[in-house]
Amino acid sequence: MNLRTRRTRLVLGVCAAGALALGITACGGDDDKSSTGESAGGAKKIALLLPESKTTRYDQQDKPLFEAKVKELCPDCSVEYSNADQDAQKQLTQAEAAIANKVNVMVLDPVDGKAAAAIVTKAKAANIPVISYDRLILDSEPDLYISFDNEKVGRLQGEALAKKLADDGNPKGPIIKINGSPTDNNATLFKKGSTEALTEAGVQIEAEYDTPDWSPDKAQTFMEQQITKFGKTGFKGVYAANDGTGGGAIAAMKTAGVDVTKVPVTGQDAELAAIQRILAGEQFMTVYKAIKTEAESAAEAAVDLANGKTPSNATGKVNNGQIDVPSILLEPVAVTKDNVADTVVKDGFYTAAQICTGKFQAACTSAGIK
């Protein structure tokens, strides 16, 4: 128990005693709550455990959107947030702390989908429901899974790149393929969908890499090695599983003197820097996943579960190796320069003012972004 909680309980105890002695029916209270989410009304506590900080979406989008929706639905609820910084053991420690703190529900985006099964087991033993958020937790029994059709994400990337290569007169490529983290089940699905699409189109994959921790710097190093090996013109495109790895590949090409406007690069997450690169012609496409919808759906489900209710909008099921997990699966959208205005801007994901800064103003005007 922390000092503030001890002090609060002491004040409440004195207040209650005074009320009994004087016949007073209620006491004024301090609205301040402890960091554990305790309050005089016994407010619910929701743990939000996100996996890493190298992908900007988690701290900049998922966390604030989730917290805002919880506050809207349940003003007295508290969100206990932790980011594991790509460390599965750290995430386990964070989860154990949340369990010890008796949270009412856990929303878990796993660093390692297999290792996180142990977290689900511990949470369930403490009667804490678990929502598998964005990434599927394998070989366990989470109560709900909320994400996107991740195999379709990979297929969208592969199909878009294959079409662009064909339009550029390079239907067979070859390409460099930079996949996501091998411990992320989503990355496995992106890889599967993209490889199928590229193979169907007859695109040759010259070299391939699974990027540990989704690290842009590691993707950049790998790309530098491929440029050294195959030369500046030895590849016609780059498949990158997300915008961070795509940014690393683009940085490597720029350093080597490769004209990045002539080498299409894919991405995912619609990061602000990626949208700006797309408008400037330095990145070909990204996949926009409506993170606002995902985060708010998770918040709605978390509040329901915290209050002993069954979430009503889980219309799908995804097998995680142990059970068919009730699932909410959202639709991803491919974004190129042609539809930035009709997707991320129209949805309010970014404003024109956020995107159209400095050197990107002319590109915004050309793309109809005002």
Protein backbone atom coordinates (compact mmCIF):
# COMPACT_ATOMS: atom_id res chain seq x y z
CA MET A 1 0.00 0.00 0.00
CA ASN A 2 1.52 3.37 -0.95
CA LEU A 3 1.60 6.44 1.31
CA ARG A 4 -1.23 8.22 -0.47
CA THR A 5 -3.49 5.16 -0.25
CA ARG A 6 -2.67 4.77 3.49
CA ARG A 7 -3.44 8.43 4.07
CA THR A 8 -6.68 8.21 2.08
CA ARG A 9 -7.87 5.18 4.06
CA LEU A 10 -6.99 6.92 7.33
CA VAL A 11 -8.97 10.01 6.35
CA LEU A 12 -11.92 7.88 5.25
CA GLY A 13 -11.79 5.93 8.51
CA VAL A 14 -11.78 9.11 10.59
CA CYS A 15 -14.52 10.57 8.43
CA ALA A 16 -16.70 7.48 8.83
CA ALA A 17 -16.17 7.46 12.59
CA GLY A 18 -17.11 11.11 12.79
CA ALA A 19 -20.20 10.52 10.74
CA LEU A 20 -21.38 7.77 13.11
CA ALA A 21 -20.72 9.91 16.17
CA LEU A 22 -22.47 12.98 14.83
CA GLY A 23 -25.21 11.36 12.79
CA ILE A 24 -23.85 12.76 9.57
CA THR A 25 -24.86 10.69 6.54
CA ALA A 26 -21.96 11.57 4.23
CA CYS A 27 -18.52 13.13 4.20
CA GLY A 28 -16.86 15.26 1.56
CA GLY A 29 -14.09 13.39 -0.26
CA ASP A 30 -10.90 13.98 -2.15
CA ASP A 31 -11.33 13.03 -5.82
CA ASP A 32 -7.62 12.24 -6.11
CA LYS A 33 -6.97 8.52 -6.68
CA SER A 34 -3.86 6.54 -6.03
CA SER A 35 -1.65 5.21 -8.81
CA THR A 36 -3.18 1.77 -8.23
CA GLY A 37 -6.59 3.06 -9.23
CA GLU A 38 -8.17 2.65 -5.79
CA SER A 39 -10.96 5.02 -4.83
CA ALA A 40 -13.66 5.33 -2.19
CA GLY A 41 -16.11 3.88 -4.70
CA GLY A 42 -14.00 0.82 -5.46
CA ALA A 43 -13.35 1.85 -9.05
CA LYS A 44 -12.28 -0.79 -11.57
CA LYS A 45 -8.63 -1.11 -12.63
CA ILE A 46 -7.62 -2.02 -16.18
CA ALA A 47 -4.07 -3.02 -17.07
CA LEU A 48 -2.85 -2.02 -20.54
CA LEU A 49 0.40 -3.81 -21.42
CA LEU A 50 1.92 -2.82 -24.76
CA PRO A 51 4.95 -4.53 -26.31
CA GLU A 52 7.45 -2.03 -27.59
CA SER A 53 8.42 1.56 -28.26
CA LYS A 54 10.30 1.31 -31.56
CA THR A 55 6.98 1.38 -33.40
CA THR A 56 5.60 4.85 -32.73
CA ARG A 57 1.93 3.90 -32.82
CA TYR A 58 1.80 2.36 -29.34
CA ASP A 59 2.65 5.39 -27.24
CA GLN A 60 1.33 7.98 -29.70
CA GLN A 61 -1.92 6.31 -30.75
CA ASP A 62 -2.99 3.14 -28.93
CA LYS A 63 -2.34 4.30 -25.37
CA PRO A 64 -4.03 7.74 -25.46
CA LEU A 65 -6.96 6.49 -27.55
CA PHE A 66 -7.55 3.55 -25.21
CA GLU A 67 -7.30 5.72 -22.10
CA ALA A 68 -9.67 8.35 -23.50
CA LYS A 69 -12.33 5.78 -24.37
CA VAL A 70 -12.09 4.12 -20.95
CA LYS A 71 -12.50 7.50 -19.26
CA GLU A 72 -15.53 8.25 -21.45
CA LEU A 73 -17.19 4.91 -20.66
CA CYS A 74 -16.13 4.62 -17.04
CA PRO A 75 -14.95 7.90 -15.45
CA ASP A 76 -14.01 6.14 -12.22
CA CYS A 77 -11.97 3.42 -13.91
CA SER A 78 -8.19 3.69 -13.96
CA VAL A 79 -5.76 2.44 -16.61
CA GLU A 80 -2.44 1.02 -15.43
CA TYR A 81 -0.09 1.33 -18.39
CA SER A 82 3.19 -0.49 -19.04
CA ASN A 83 5.42 -0.76 -22.11
CA ALA A 84 7.77 -3.75 -22.26
CA ASP A 85 10.34 -2.16 -24.61
CA GLN A 86 10.70 -5.35 -26.69
CA ASP A 87 11.54 -7.43 -23.60
CA ALA A 88 9.33 -10.50 -22.98
CA GLN A 89 10.72 -11.03 -19.48
CA LYS A 90 10.04 -7.40 -18.61
CA GLN A 91 6.48 -7.82 -19.84
CA LEU A 92 6.02 -10.87 -17.62
CA THR A 93 7.21 -8.84 -14.62
CA GLN A 94 4.82 -6.03 -15.52
CA ALA A 95 1.94 -8.49 -15.84
CA GLU A 96 2.77 -10.08 -12.49
CA ALA A 97 2.73 -6.63 -10.89
CA ALA A 98 -0.70 -5.93 -12.41
CA ILE A 99 -2.01 -9.27 -11.14
CA ALA A 100 -0.62 -8.58 -7.65
CA ASN A 101 -2.35 -5.20 -7.78
CA LYS A 102 -5.64 -7.03 -8.44
CA VAL A 103 -6.58 -5.38 -11.71
CA ASN A 104 -10.04 -6.28 -12.96
CA VAL A 105 -9.02 -6.98 -16.55
CA MET A 106 -5.78 -7.17 -18.52
CA VAL A 107 -5.33 -5.90 -22.09
CA LEU A 108 -2.14 -7.52 -23.34
CA ASP A 109 -0.26 -6.94 -26.59
CA PRO A 110 2.48 -9.56 -26.32
CA VAL A 111 6.15 -9.09 -27.09
CA ASP A 112 6.33 -12.82 -27.73
CA GLY A 113 3.07 -14.54 -28.59
CA LYS A 114 4.20 -17.91 -27.25
CA ALA A 115 5.91 -16.69 -24.10
CA ALA A 116 2.85 -14.61 -23.20
CA ALA A 117 0.83 -17.80 -22.67
CA ALA A 118 2.36 -17.90 -19.17
CA ILE A 119 0.89 -14.46 -18.47
CA VAL A 120 -2.58 -15.62 -19.47
CA THR A 121 -2.26 -18.67 -17.22
CA LYS A 122 -1.28 -16.51 -14.23
CA ALA A 123 -4.06 -14.00 -14.91
CA LYS A 124 -6.71 -16.67 -15.28
CA ALA A 125 -5.58 -18.30 -12.02
CA ALA A 126 -6.34 -14.94 -10.38
CA ASN A 127 -9.74 -14.75 -12.18
CA ILE A 128 -8.57 -11.81 -14.30
CA PRO A 129 -9.94 -11.86 -17.87
CA VAL A 130 -7.39 -11.20 -20.64
CA ILE A 131 -7.85 -9.41 -23.94
CA SER A 132 -5.24 -10.33 -26.56
CA TYR A 133 -4.72 -6.95 -28.20
CA ASP A 134 -3.38 -6.47 -31.75
CA ARG A 135 -1.11 -9.54 -31.55
CA LEU A 136 -2.47 -13.01 -30.87
CA ILE A 137 -1.37 -14.76 -27.68
CA LEU A 138 -0.73 -18.39 -28.60
CA ASP A 139 -1.36 -21.69 -26.79
CA SER A 140 -3.51 -20.20 -24.04
CA GLU A 141 -7.08 -19.17 -23.24
CA PRO A 142 -7.53 -15.41 -23.57
CA ASP A 143 -11.10 -14.19 -23.34
CA LEU A 144 -11.00 -12.06 -26.48
CA TYR A 145 -8.77 -11.16 -29.42
CA ILE A 146 -8.94 -7.74 -31.06
CA SER A 147 -6.86 -7.05 -34.16
CA PHE A 148 -6.92 -6.79 -37.93
CA ASP A 149 -6.98 -9.47 -40.60
CA ASN A 150 -3.20 -9.69 -40.52
CA GLU A 151 -2.74 -12.17 -43.33
CA LYS A 152 -4.72 -9.73 -45.46
CA VAL A 153 -2.33 -6.94 -44.38
CA GLY A 154 0.56 -8.91 -45.89
CA ARG A 155 -1.43 -9.70 -49.00
CA LEU A 156 -2.28 -6.01 -49.50
CA GLN A 157 1.41 -5.15 -49.25
CA GLY A 158 2.49 -7.91 -51.64
CA GLU A 159 -0.21 -7.19 -54.20
CA ALA A 160 0.49 -3.45 -54.16
CA LEU A 161 4.22 -3.98 -54.62
CA ALA A 162 3.73 -6.54 -57.40
CA LYS A 163 1.42 -4.17 -59.30
CA LYS A 164 3.82 -1.26 -58.91
CA LEU A 165 6.74 -3.35 -60.16
CA ALA A 166 4.68 -4.39 -63.19
CA ASP A 167 3.66 -0.78 -63.86
CA ASP A 168 7.34 0.21 -63.70
CA GLY A 169 8.29 -2.47 -66.22
CA ASN A 170 9.87 -4.80 -63.63
CA PRO A 171 7.19 -7.48 -63.13
CA LYS A 172 9.66 -10.09 -61.87
CA GLY A 173 11.58 -7.72 -59.59
CA PRO A 174 13.84 -8.83 -58.02
CA ILE A 175 13.14 -7.46 -54.55
CA ILE A 176 14.66 -7.41 -51.07
CA LYS A 177 12.18 -8.69 -48.45
CA ILE A 178 12.35 -7.36 -44.88
CA ASN A 179 9.88 -9.09 -42.59
CA GLY A 180 8.90 -8.29 -39.02
CA SER A 181 9.95 -9.78 -35.70
CA PRO A 182 10.10 -13.58 -35.56
CA THR A 183 8.51 -13.56 -32.07
CA ASP A 184 5.43 -11.63 -33.25
CA ASN A 185 2.64 -13.87 -34.54
CA ASN A 186 1.31 -10.96 -36.60
CA ALA A 187 4.66 -10.80 -38.42
CA THR A 188 4.26 -14.47 -39.30
CA LEU A 189 0.88 -13.69 -40.84
CA PHE A 190 2.19 -10.61 -42.71
CA LYS A 191 4.99 -12.76 -44.07
CA LYS A 192 2.61 -15.51 -45.18
CA GLY A 193 0.18 -13.16 -46.93
CA SER A 194 2.87 -11.11 -48.66
CA THR A 195 4.87 -14.13 -49.80
CA GLU A 196 1.77 -15.73 -51.30
CA ALA A 197 0.87 -12.53 -53.18
CA LEU A 198 4.41 -11.98 -54.48
CA THR A 199 4.81 -15.63 -55.50
CA GLU A 200 1.49 -15.61 -57.34
CA ALA A 201 2.65 -12.53 -59.25
CA GLY A 202 5.98 -14.17 -60.12
CA VAL A 203 8.11 -11.65 -58.22
CA GLN A 204 11.60 -12.93 -57.38
CA ILE A 205 12.76 -12.49 -53.78
CA GLU A 206 16.52 -11.96 -53.92
CA ALA A 207 17.16 -11.86 -50.16
CA GLU A 208 14.96 -12.09 -47.08
CA TYR A 209 15.33 -11.11 -43.42
CA ASP A 210 13.24 -11.45 -40.24
CA THR A 211 13.90 -8.27 -38.25
CA PRO A 212 14.49 -8.86 -34.51
CA ASP A 213 12.27 -6.61 -32.35
CA TRP A 214 11.05 -4.79 -35.46
CA SER A 215 14.17 -2.62 -35.10
CA PRO A 216 14.57 -0.03 -37.89
CA ASP A 217 18.33 0.08 -37.27
CA LYS A 218 18.63 -3.67 -37.85
CA ALA A 219 16.56 -3.38 -41.03
CA GLN A 220 18.84 -0.57 -42.15
CA THR A 221 21.96 -2.66 -41.51
CA PHE A 222 20.51 -5.59 -43.46
CA MET A 223 19.62 -3.31 -46.36
CA GLU A 224 23.13 -1.84 -46.40
CA GLN A 225 24.52 -5.36 -46.68
CA GLN A 226 22.24 -6.18 -49.62
CA ILE A 227 23.24 -3.02 -51.47
CA THR A 228 26.88 -4.00 -51.01
CA LYS A 229 26.13 -7.54 -52.21
CA PHE A 230 23.84 -6.84 -55.17
CA GLY A 231 24.78 -3.28 -56.09
CA LYS A 232 22.70 -0.12 -56.29
CA THR A 233 20.69 -1.40 -59.26
CA GLY A 234 20.56 -5.08 -58.30
CA PHE A 235 17.01 -4.87 -56.92
CA LYS A 236 13.85 -3.16 -58.14
CA GLY A 237 11.78 -2.95 -54.96
CA VAL A 238 11.75 -3.53 -51.21
CA TYR A 239 9.08 -5.30 -49.22
CA ALA A 240 9.18 -3.90 -45.67
CA ALA A 241 6.70 -5.27 -43.16
CA ASN A 242 6.10 -1.94 -41.41
CA ASP A 243 6.97 1.73 -41.68
CA GLY A 244 9.85 1.50 -39.22
CA THR A 245 11.67 -1.20 -41.18
CA GLY A 246 10.74 0.58 -44.39
CA GLY A 247 12.28 3.78 -43.05
CA GLY A 248 15.45 1.86 -42.21
CA ALA A 249 15.65 0.47 -45.74
CA ILE A 250 15.10 3.91 -47.25
CA ALA A 251 17.80 5.43 -45.04
CA ALA A 252 20.25 2.75 -46.21
CA MET A 253 19.45 3.43 -49.86
CA LYS A 254 19.82 7.19 -49.44
CA THR A 255 23.20 6.77 -47.78
CA ALA A 256 24.34 4.54 -50.65
CA GLY A 257 23.17 7.02 -53.27
CA VAL A 258 20.20 4.98 -54.52
CA ASP A 259 17.35 7.03 -56.00
CA VAL A 260 14.59 6.01 -53.59
CA THR A 261 11.90 7.57 -55.78
CA LYS A 262 12.57 4.79 -58.30
CA VAL A 263 12.55 1.86 -55.85
CA PRO A 264 9.07 1.17 -54.39
CA VAL A 265 9.08 0.38 -50.68
CA THR A 266 6.11 -0.94 -48.70
CA GLY A 267 5.18 -0.31 -45.08
CA GLN A 268 2.47 -0.60 -42.46
CA ASP A 269 0.93 1.41 -39.59
CA ALA A 270 0.58 4.71 -41.46
CA GLU A 271 3.15 6.42 -39.26
CA LEU A 272 3.31 10.19 -39.77
CA ALA A 273 6.87 10.03 -41.13
CA ALA A 274 5.79 7.32 -43.56
CA ILE A 275 2.82 9.34 -44.82
CA GLN A 276 5.17 12.24 -45.43
CA ARG A 277 7.62 9.96 -47.27
CA ILE A 278 4.78 8.64 -49.41
CA LEU A 279 3.71 12.15 -50.37
CA ALA A 280 7.35 13.02 -51.17
CA GLY A 281 7.69 9.91 -53.35
CA GLU A 282 10.27 8.22 -51.10
CA GLN A 283 8.00 5.38 -49.93
CA PHE A 284 5.44 3.73 -52.17
CA MET A 285 2.72 2.60 -49.76
CA THR A 286 1.70 1.74 -46.23
CA VAL A 287 -1.18 -0.15 -44.70
CA TYR A 288 -3.57 1.96 -42.68
CA LYS A 289 -5.10 0.16 -39.76
CA ALA A 290 -7.76 2.21 -38.00
CA ILE A 291 -6.01 2.15 -34.64
CA LYS A 292 -8.65 4.43 -33.15
CA THR A 293 -11.30 1.81 -33.86
CA GLU A 294 -9.06 -0.96 -32.54
CA ALA A 295 -8.12 0.86 -29.33
CA GLU A 296 -11.67 1.99 -28.64
CA SER A 297 -13.06 -1.51 -29.29
CA ALA A 298 -10.54 -2.85 -26.78
CA ALA A 299 -11.54 -0.20 -24.25
CA GLU A 300 -15.23 -1.04 -24.65
CA ALA A 301 -14.53 -4.75 -24.20
CA ALA A 302 -12.26 -4.10 -21.20
CA VAL A 303 -14.91 -2.04 -19.42
CA ASP A 304 -17.51 -4.74 -20.13
CA LEU A 305 -15.27 -7.50 -18.79
CA ALA A 306 -14.29 -5.43 -15.75
CA ASN A 307 -17.99 -5.14 -14.96
CA GLY A 308 -18.65 -8.85 -15.44
CA LYS A 309 -20.26 -8.50 -18.85
CA THR A 310 -19.50 -10.43 -22.03
CA PRO A 311 -18.36 -8.19 -24.94
CA SER A 312 -21.09 -8.24 -27.57
CA ASN A 313 -19.19 -7.41 -30.76
CA ALA A 314 -16.88 -10.45 -31.00
CA THR A 315 -18.35 -11.97 -34.16
CA GLY A 316 -15.32 -13.99 -35.28
CA LYS A 317 -13.04 -16.73 -33.97
CA VAL A 318 -9.29 -17.26 -34.41
CA ASN A 319 -7.53 -20.45 -33.35
CA ASN A 320 -4.41 -19.78 -31.27
CA GLY A 321 -3.23 -23.39 -31.07
CA GLN A 322 -5.32 -24.20 -28.01
CA ILE A 323 -8.78 -22.68 -28.42
CA ASP A 324 -10.88 -20.75 -30.91
CA VAL A 325 -10.59 -17.29 -29.37
CA PRO A 326 -13.67 -15.02 -29.72
CA SER A 327 -12.39 -12.26 -32.01
CA ILE A 328 -13.01 -8.80 -33.34
CA LEU A 329 -11.18 -8.50 -36.68
CA LEU A 330 -10.99 -5.11 -38.40
CA GLU A 331 -10.28 -4.34 -42.05
CA PRO A 332 -6.87 -2.92 -43.15
CA VAL A 333 -6.56 -0.47 -46.07
CA ALA A 334 -3.69 0.01 -48.52
CA VAL A 335 -2.59 3.66 -48.71
CA THR A 336 -0.60 5.31 -51.51
CA LYS A 337 -0.18 8.94 -52.45
CA ASP A 338 -3.47 8.72 -54.36
CA ASN A 339 -5.66 8.06 -51.31
CA VAL A 340 -3.90 9.69 -48.34
CA ALA A 341 -6.55 12.42 -48.33
CA ASP A 342 -9.41 9.90 -48.41
CA THR A 343 -8.07 7.68 -45.63
CA VAL A 344 -5.84 8.94 -42.84
CA VAL A 345 -6.82 12.60 -43.29
CA LYS A 346 -10.53 11.99 -43.81
CA ASP A 347 -10.67 9.74 -40.74
CA GLY A 348 -8.90 12.34 -38.62
CA PHE A 349 -5.95 10.02 -37.98
CA TYR A 350 -3.74 12.99 -38.88
CA THR A 351 -4.62 16.58 -39.70
CA ALA A 352 -3.32 18.40 -42.74
CA ALA A 353 -1.37 20.65 -40.38
CA GLN A 354 0.45 17.65 -38.93
CA ILE A 355 1.37 16.24 -42.33
CA CYS A 356 1.98 19.33 -44.43
CA THR A 357 4.94 20.83 -42.63
CA GLY A 358 7.93 22.53 -44.26
CA LYS A 359 9.15 20.68 -47.34
CA PHE A 360 5.96 18.58 -47.54
CA GLN A 361 3.63 21.51 -48.27
CA ALA A 362 3.96 21.28 -52.04
CA ALA A 363 3.46 17.50 -51.98
CA CYS A 364 0.32 17.95 -49.88
CA THR A 365 -1.08 20.45 -52.36
CA SER A 366 -0.37 18.04 -55.21
CA ALA A 367 -2.21 15.27 -53.33
CA GLY A 368 -5.23 17.45 -52.60
CA ILE A 369 -4.58 17.69 -48.86
CA LYS A 370 -5.65 21.01 -47.40
